[in-house]
Protein backbone atom coordinates (compact mmCIF):
# COMPACT_ATOMS: atom_id res chain seq x y z
CA MET A 1 23.96 -26.62 -92.88
CA HIS A 2 23.06 -29.26 -90.34
CA PHE A 3 20.36 -29.10 -87.95
CA THR A 4 17.28 -30.89 -86.37
CA HIS A 5 14.17 -28.45 -85.64
CA ASP A 6 10.86 -28.94 -83.74
CA THR A 7 8.20 -27.07 -84.44
CA LEU A 8 5.34 -26.96 -81.46
CA PRO A 9 1.69 -27.62 -82.78
CA GLN A 10 0.02 -24.49 -81.65
CA ARG A 11 -2.89 -21.93 -82.59
CA VAL A 12 -2.10 -18.22 -82.05
CA ILE A 13 -5.60 -16.08 -82.35
CA PHE A 14 -3.52 -11.90 -82.07
CA ALA A 15 -6.05 -9.25 -82.27
CA SER A 16 -6.64 -6.70 -80.55
CA GLY A 17 -9.72 -6.05 -78.34
CA GLN A 18 -10.64 -9.44 -79.49
CA ALA A 19 -9.97 -11.47 -76.68
CA ALA A 20 -13.45 -12.35 -75.24
CA ALA A 21 -14.93 -13.77 -78.90
CA GLY A 22 -11.20 -15.46 -79.25
CA VAL A 23 -11.89 -17.15 -75.88
CA GLU A 24 -15.25 -18.40 -77.34
CA ALA A 25 -14.37 -19.60 -80.04
CA GLU A 26 -11.12 -21.91 -79.08
CA VAL A 27 -13.43 -23.35 -75.98
CA GLN A 28 -15.99 -24.23 -78.44
CA ARG A 29 -13.63 -25.83 -80.85
CA LEU A 30 -12.23 -27.78 -77.82
CA GLY A 31 -15.64 -29.20 -77.04
CA ALA A 32 -15.45 -28.00 -73.65
CA GLY A 33 -18.83 -27.84 -71.46
CA ARG A 34 -17.01 -27.27 -67.99
CA VAL A 35 -14.32 -24.56 -67.76
CA MET A 36 -11.43 -23.91 -64.84
CA VAL A 37 -10.50 -20.20 -65.39
CA LEU A 38 -7.45 -19.25 -63.85
CA ALA A 39 -6.48 -15.60 -62.65
CA ALA A 40 -5.07 -13.59 -59.63
CA PRO A 41 -7.04 -11.69 -57.50
CA ALA A 42 -5.97 -8.63 -58.88
CA GLU A 43 -7.42 -9.89 -62.76
CA ALA A 44 -10.47 -11.83 -61.52
CA ALA A 45 -12.60 -8.49 -63.26
CA LEU A 46 -10.67 -8.85 -66.84
CA ALA A 47 -10.74 -12.57 -66.54
CA GLU A 48 -14.36 -12.30 -66.19
CA ARG A 49 -15.17 -10.06 -69.27
CA VAL A 50 -12.97 -12.36 -71.18
CA THR A 51 -14.29 -15.12 -69.88
CA ALA A 52 -18.02 -14.30 -69.92
CA ALA A 53 -19.21 -16.44 -72.67
CA ILE A 54 -17.99 -20.00 -72.13
CA PRO A 55 -19.21 -22.69 -69.46
CA VAL A 56 -17.20 -21.70 -66.31
CA ALA A 57 -17.52 -24.50 -63.68
CA LEU A 58 -14.69 -22.73 -61.72
CA ALA A 59 -12.84 -19.96 -61.32
CA HIS A 60 -9.35 -20.40 -59.08
CA ASP A 61 -7.27 -17.45 -58.11
CA GLU A 62 -4.77 -19.36 -56.04
CA VAL A 63 -1.74 -18.04 -58.10
CA VAL A 64 1.85 -17.96 -56.72
CA MET A 65 4.85 -16.94 -58.23
CA HIS A 66 6.95 -20.01 -59.39
CA VAL A 67 4.45 -22.12 -58.96
CA PRO A 68 5.25 -23.80 -55.51
CA VAL A 69 3.99 -27.74 -55.71
CA GLU A 70 1.69 -27.51 -53.24
CA THR A 71 -0.20 -24.70 -54.85
CA ALA A 72 0.01 -26.91 -58.14
CA GLU A 73 -2.09 -30.03 -56.32
CA ARG A 74 -4.17 -28.08 -54.39
CA ALA A 75 -5.26 -27.00 -58.34
CA ARG A 76 -5.44 -30.14 -59.73
CA ALA A 77 -7.59 -31.42 -56.87
CA ALA A 78 -10.08 -28.45 -57.59
CA ALA A 79 -10.31 -29.48 -60.74
CA ALA A 80 -10.62 -33.55 -60.26
CA ALA A 81 -14.00 -31.91 -57.61
CA HIS A 82 -15.51 -29.63 -60.48
CA ARG A 83 -15.03 -32.37 -63.17
CA VAL A 84 -13.95 -29.73 -65.79
CA ASP A 85 -12.45 -30.56 -68.96
CA ALA A 86 -10.35 -27.38 -70.21
CA VAL A 87 -8.44 -24.49 -68.33
CA VAL A 88 -8.25 -21.32 -69.31
CA SER A 89 -5.31 -19.07 -68.02
CA VAL A 90 -5.82 -15.43 -67.70
CA GLY A 91 -2.81 -13.47 -66.74
CA GLY A 92 1.34 -13.36 -66.57
CA GLY A 93 3.81 -16.01 -66.06
CA SER A 94 2.62 -17.73 -63.09
CA THR A 95 -1.00 -18.25 -64.00
CA THR A 96 0.41 -19.72 -67.25
CA GLY A 97 2.35 -21.92 -64.95
CA LEU A 98 -0.19 -22.82 -62.72
CA ALA A 99 -2.13 -24.02 -65.90
CA LYS A 100 0.81 -25.84 -66.96
CA ALA A 101 0.88 -27.42 -64.26
CA ILE A 102 -2.38 -28.96 -64.09
CA ALA A 103 -2.13 -29.84 -67.59
CA LEU A 104 1.08 -31.86 -66.53
CA THR A 105 -0.99 -34.72 -64.93
CA THR A 106 -4.26 -34.53 -65.98
CA ASP A 107 -4.02 -33.99 -70.06
CA LEU A 108 -6.76 -30.99 -69.60
CA PRO A 109 -6.53 -28.78 -72.46
CA VAL A 110 -5.06 -25.22 -71.99
CA VAL A 111 -6.66 -21.99 -73.53
CA ALA A 112 -4.06 -19.32 -72.57
CA VAL A 113 -4.88 -15.71 -72.51
CA PRO A 114 -1.54 -13.77 -71.58
CA THR A 115 -1.55 -10.20 -69.64
CA THR A 116 2.24 -9.66 -70.02
CA TYR A 117 5.05 -10.70 -71.91
CA ALA A 118 6.46 -13.37 -69.81
CA GLY A 119 5.95 -15.91 -73.16
CA SER A 120 5.24 -19.23 -71.41
CA GLU A 121 2.15 -19.56 -72.84
CA ALA A 122 3.99 -20.43 -76.71
CA THR A 123 6.57 -23.14 -75.04
CA ASP A 124 5.94 -26.87 -73.56
CA VAL A 125 8.11 -26.05 -70.72
CA TRP A 126 6.91 -26.50 -67.09
CA GLY A 127 8.60 -25.03 -64.05
CA LEU A 128 7.53 -26.39 -60.04
CA THR A 129 9.47 -25.21 -56.70
CA GLU A 130 9.49 -27.12 -53.57
CA GLY A 131 10.86 -26.40 -50.87
CA GLN A 132 14.12 -24.37 -51.90
CA VAL A 133 14.62 -25.64 -55.57
CA LYS A 134 12.59 -24.92 -58.77
CA THR A 135 12.65 -28.15 -61.66
CA THR A 136 11.60 -27.66 -64.40
CA GLY A 137 10.96 -29.86 -67.72
CA SER A 138 9.50 -29.81 -71.26
CA ASP A 139 6.35 -32.38 -72.04
CA PRO A 140 4.11 -31.72 -74.96
CA ARG A 141 0.55 -32.26 -72.73
CA VAL A 142 1.78 -28.86 -70.92
CA LEU A 143 1.77 -26.81 -74.43
CA PRO A 144 -1.72 -24.56 -74.28
CA ARG A 145 -3.46 -25.77 -77.18
CA SER A 146 -4.51 -22.26 -78.05
CA ILE A 147 -3.28 -18.71 -77.47
CA VAL A 148 -5.59 -15.68 -77.73
CA TYR A 149 -3.26 -12.92 -77.79
CA ASP A 150 -5.16 -9.83 -77.19
CA ALA A 151 -2.76 -6.17 -76.77
CA THR A 152 -5.51 -4.29 -75.31
CA LEU A 153 -5.19 -6.75 -72.25
CA THR A 154 -1.30 -5.56 -71.27
CA LEU A 155 -2.74 -1.98 -71.34
CA GLY A 156 -3.36 -1.83 -67.53
CA LEU A 157 0.52 -3.27 -66.98
CA PRO A 158 2.62 -1.10 -64.99
CA LYS A 159 5.12 0.72 -66.24
CA GLU A 160 7.86 -1.08 -64.09
CA MET A 161 6.16 -4.34 -64.69
CA THR A 162 6.25 -3.85 -68.70
CA VAL A 163 10.03 -3.49 -68.59
CA ALA A 164 10.70 -6.15 -66.55
CA SER A 165 8.42 -8.42 -68.46
CA GLY A 166 9.63 -7.33 -71.97
CA LEU A 167 13.14 -7.29 -71.01
CA ASN A 168 12.16 -11.14 -69.96
CA ALA A 169 11.22 -12.00 -73.28
CA MET A 170 14.42 -10.19 -74.53
CA ALA A 171 16.17 -12.71 -72.46
CA HIS A 172 14.51 -15.68 -74.69
CA CYS A 173 15.65 -14.34 -77.43
CA VAL A 174 19.38 -13.70 -76.36
CA ASP A 175 19.76 -17.07 -74.62
CA SER A 176 17.98 -18.82 -77.90
CA LEU A 177 21.02 -17.73 -79.73
CA TRP A 178 23.61 -20.32 -77.66
CA ALA A 179 21.50 -22.52 -76.26
CA PRO A 180 22.03 -26.08 -76.32
CA ARG A 181 19.31 -26.61 -79.44
CA ALA A 182 20.12 -23.60 -81.03
CA ASP A 183 19.65 -23.84 -84.63
CA PRO A 184 19.36 -21.38 -87.76
CA ILE A 185 15.62 -21.50 -87.46
CA ASN A 186 14.90 -20.33 -83.84
CA ALA A 187 17.85 -18.07 -84.21
CA ALA A 188 15.87 -16.18 -87.00
CA MET A 189 12.74 -15.58 -85.02
CA ALA A 190 14.55 -15.01 -81.85
CA THR A 191 16.60 -12.08 -84.18
CA GLU A 192 13.26 -10.68 -85.37
CA GLY A 193 12.11 -11.07 -81.80
CA ALA A 194 14.69 -9.02 -80.19
CA ARG A 195 13.62 -6.25 -83.44
CA ALA A 196 10.29 -6.26 -82.30
CA LEU A 197 10.92 -5.94 -78.63
CA ALA A 198 13.23 -3.21 -78.53
CA SER A 199 10.95 -0.92 -81.21
CA GLY A 200 7.90 -1.99 -79.12
CA LEU A 201 9.06 -1.41 -75.60
CA ARG A 202 10.54 2.44 -76.58
CA ARG A 203 7.68 3.21 -78.00
CA VAL A 204 5.38 1.80 -74.63
CA THR A 205 6.95 3.38 -72.12
CA HIS A 206 7.41 6.40 -74.38
CA ASP A 207 3.77 6.22 -74.26
CA PRO A 208 1.94 3.67 -72.36
CA ALA A 209 -1.15 4.39 -74.35
CA ASP A 210 0.55 3.17 -78.20
CA LEU A 211 -1.63 0.07 -78.89
CA GLN A 212 0.57 -0.83 -82.07
CA GLY A 213 4.01 -0.10 -79.75
CA ARG A 214 1.86 -3.19 -77.50
CA GLU A 215 1.10 -5.28 -80.55
CA GLN A 216 5.06 -5.16 -81.56
CA THR A 217 6.37 -6.06 -78.03
CA LEU A 218 3.74 -8.67 -77.72
CA TYR A 219 4.40 -9.90 -81.04
CA GLY A 220 8.20 -10.03 -80.21
CA ALA A 221 7.30 -12.16 -76.90
CA TYR A 222 5.88 -14.64 -78.74
CA LEU A 223 8.44 -15.70 -81.64
CA ALA A 224 10.71 -15.04 -78.69
CA ALA A 225 9.15 -17.65 -76.43
CA VAL A 226 8.89 -20.07 -79.84
CA ALA A 227 12.74 -19.47 -80.53
CA PHE A 228 13.43 -20.22 -76.67
CA ALA A 229 11.05 -23.60 -76.74
CA SER A 230 13.11 -24.95 -79.82
CA ALA A 231 16.65 -23.59 -78.49
CA GLY A 232 16.48 -24.62 -74.65
CA SER A 233 17.36 -23.25 -71.66
CA GLY A 234 20.78 -21.63 -71.73
CA LEU A 235 23.24 -20.15 -69.20
CA HIS A 236 20.76 -17.00 -68.47
CA HIS A 237 18.05 -18.83 -67.80
CA LYS A 238 19.52 -21.79 -65.89
CA ILE A 239 20.95 -18.74 -63.63
CA CYS A 240 17.57 -17.84 -63.12
CA HIS A 241 16.09 -20.55 -61.84
CA VAL A 242 17.91 -21.04 -59.40
CA LEU A 243 18.15 -17.57 -58.34
CA GLY A 244 14.30 -17.32 -58.46
CA GLY A 245 13.64 -20.97 -57.45
CA ARG A 246 16.34 -20.92 -54.55
CA TYR A 247 15.65 -17.18 -52.93
CA ASN A 248 12.26 -16.50 -54.24
CA LEU A 249 13.16 -13.76 -56.50
CA PRO A 250 10.58 -11.78 -58.71
CA HIS A 251 10.88 -13.67 -62.23
CA ALA A 252 10.82 -10.91 -64.57
CA GLN A 253 13.14 -8.83 -62.52
CA THR A 254 15.28 -10.91 -62.33
CA HIS A 255 15.83 -11.77 -66.22
CA ALA A 256 15.95 -8.11 -66.57
CA VAL A 257 18.82 -7.90 -64.50
CA VAL A 258 20.79 -10.65 -65.26
CA LEU A 259 20.62 -10.50 -69.20
CA PRO A 260 23.41 -7.91 -69.83
CA TYR A 261 26.22 -9.58 -67.93
CA VAL A 262 25.52 -13.25 -69.65
CA LEU A 263 24.92 -11.29 -72.90
CA ALA A 264 28.70 -9.46 -71.65
CA PHE A 265 29.71 -12.99 -70.77
CA ASN A 266 29.44 -15.16 -73.73
CA ALA A 267 29.48 -12.27 -76.48
CA PRO A 268 33.02 -12.78 -76.87
CA ASN A 269 33.36 -16.22 -78.15
CA ALA A 270 29.36 -16.04 -79.53
CA LEU A 271 30.57 -13.70 -83.19
CA GLU A 272 27.12 -15.23 -84.76
CA ALA A 273 24.98 -13.85 -81.88
CA GLN A 274 26.56 -10.69 -81.38
CA VAL A 275 26.31 -9.91 -84.84
CA ARG A 276 22.64 -10.52 -85.12
CA LEU A 277 21.57 -8.57 -81.84
CA ALA A 278 23.96 -5.74 -82.82
CA GLY A 279 21.75 -5.40 -85.61
CA ALA A 280 18.44 -6.03 -83.90
CA PHE A 281 19.38 -3.18 -81.67
CA ASP A 282 20.72 -0.76 -84.81
CA SER A 283 23.92 -0.32 -82.75
CA GLY A 284 27.57 -1.24 -83.18
CA SER A 285 27.73 -3.83 -80.54
CA ALA A 286 25.17 -6.39 -79.08
CA LEU A 287 26.47 -5.08 -75.55
CA ASP A 288 26.00 -1.00 -76.18
CA GLY A 289 22.94 -2.08 -78.16
CA LEU A 290 21.05 -4.26 -75.14
CA GLU A 291 22.58 -1.11 -72.54
CA ALA A 292 21.15 2.06 -74.39
CA LEU A 293 17.73 0.21 -74.33
CA ARG A 294 17.92 -0.80 -70.99
CA ASP A 295 18.86 2.98 -70.10
CA ALA A 296 15.69 4.06 -72.32
CA LEU A 297 13.80 1.87 -70.65
CA ASP A 298 14.80 2.38 -66.76
CA ALA A 299 15.56 -1.14 -66.40
CA PRO A 300 15.72 -2.94 -63.06
CA ARG A 301 19.54 -2.49 -62.41
CA CYS A 302 21.01 -5.04 -59.69
CA LEU A 303 19.88 -8.17 -57.62
CA ARG A 304 19.97 -6.91 -53.81
CA GLU A 305 17.30 -4.89 -54.77
CA TYR A 306 15.12 -7.71 -55.26
CA GLY A 307 15.69 -9.93 -52.19
CA LEU A 308 19.26 -11.49 -52.91
CA ALA A 309 21.65 -11.49 -49.73
CA GLU A 310 25.09 -10.83 -50.62
CA GLU A 311 25.88 -13.99 -48.44
CA ASP A 312 23.75 -15.82 -50.58
CA LEU A 313 26.27 -15.10 -53.57
CA LEU A 314 28.75 -18.16 -52.48
CA ASP A 315 25.70 -20.73 -52.38
CA ALA A 316 24.29 -19.37 -55.97
CA VAL A 317 27.48 -20.30 -57.54
CA GLY A 318 27.58 -23.82 -56.17
CA ALA A 319 24.10 -24.19 -57.07
CA ILE A 320 24.47 -23.18 -60.78
CA LEU A 321 27.43 -24.80 -61.86
CA PRO A 322 26.26 -28.06 -62.07
CA VAL A 323 23.45 -26.69 -64.41
CA VAL A 324 25.60 -24.81 -67.03
CA PRO A 325 25.17 -26.05 -70.29
CA PRO A 326 28.02 -27.80 -71.48
CA SER A 327 27.52 -26.25 -75.35
CA ASN A 328 27.93 -22.69 -73.73
CA PRO A 329 30.14 -20.43 -75.68
CA THR A 330 32.02 -19.36 -72.47
CA PRO A 331 33.36 -22.25 -70.21
CA ALA A 332 31.48 -21.70 -66.49
CA THR A 333 34.09 -21.38 -64.10
CA ALA A 334 33.02 -20.91 -60.01
CA GLU A 335 35.53 -17.58 -60.31
CA ASN A 336 33.74 -16.56 -63.68
CA ILE A 337 30.27 -17.38 -62.49
CA GLY A 338 31.31 -15.85 -59.30
CA VAL A 339 31.89 -12.44 -60.84
CA LEU A 340 29.35 -11.95 -63.03
CA LEU A 341 26.72 -12.48 -59.97
CA ARG A 342 28.31 -10.41 -57.67
CA ALA A 343 28.52 -7.31 -60.90
CA ALA A 344 24.72 -8.29 -60.87
CA TRP A 345 24.17 -8.13 -57.33
CA GLU A 346 25.79 -4.49 -57.15
CA GLY A 347 24.62 -3.34 -60.73
CA THR A 348 28.07 -2.64 -61.73
CA LEU A 349 28.31 -2.05 -66.07
CA PRO A 350 28.64 -5.01 -67.36
């Protein structure tokens, strides 16, 4: 056994019903006196409750999917104009992504309060979109200093978004098993994350008020993100970043649709990953287990339902091939990536 593993320095507070107290404590730990709160308009009231006990200098609600560069620049300018000394993000991946974009150029500390299962809060990965190109990178400055997890904040998440966001987290687990920096430690986290997500998502979709199910899902999403931060972006994330940035497809739904096709593509040449996932899904095979889960969740099925045009498929293949990791278990070609994308666009069985 031979590997190098990086563990990211971050504080995690996990307590249902305690978000406001957790945020207050973490802001006090930072010694912040002028806080910028980020939340989309739909989550403004929730953010106001969560941040009621901290010194808010600015509430900023311009949150846009895939974090366009111009959106990030306006947020950075607002932070400078109000002389803020910390950022609290309350929301999903787009909100956390905006906080990271601010931190990338200002070094401001971030406290993340997730309301979905996106997982961005536990990684040092940032993403910005300019034109039709989404650029991602890793930088320690963007890693939130603290995460405040409160499963009650996910109770208002619609079922369809719960499923898509949860499967986005599952994609972190799956991709971590063959990503460029995959190692035994992040494989262990990814495997446990997949188990917790599969169990939690089934419970939550059966009973949206099942708080323990939501806690399991949130716990699984955290493990998934930590594994992903260590392992790096594999084929699945490379495909989804191209599709999201180039064609403005919804982030979580795109991940939810593409995941089984990437698993089917790589599993024949990734035996250990297949065994781990089959065990996590309590199934005879990884793909059968994932498909059974997707059936139980009534998961998103095809990319054409989310805005990808058929005439874009060939262009997408050309954009994906240069960014496929050389270490991917199955060598990528224009032909087999084209087949993968066509199947995901149509929604045929992987």
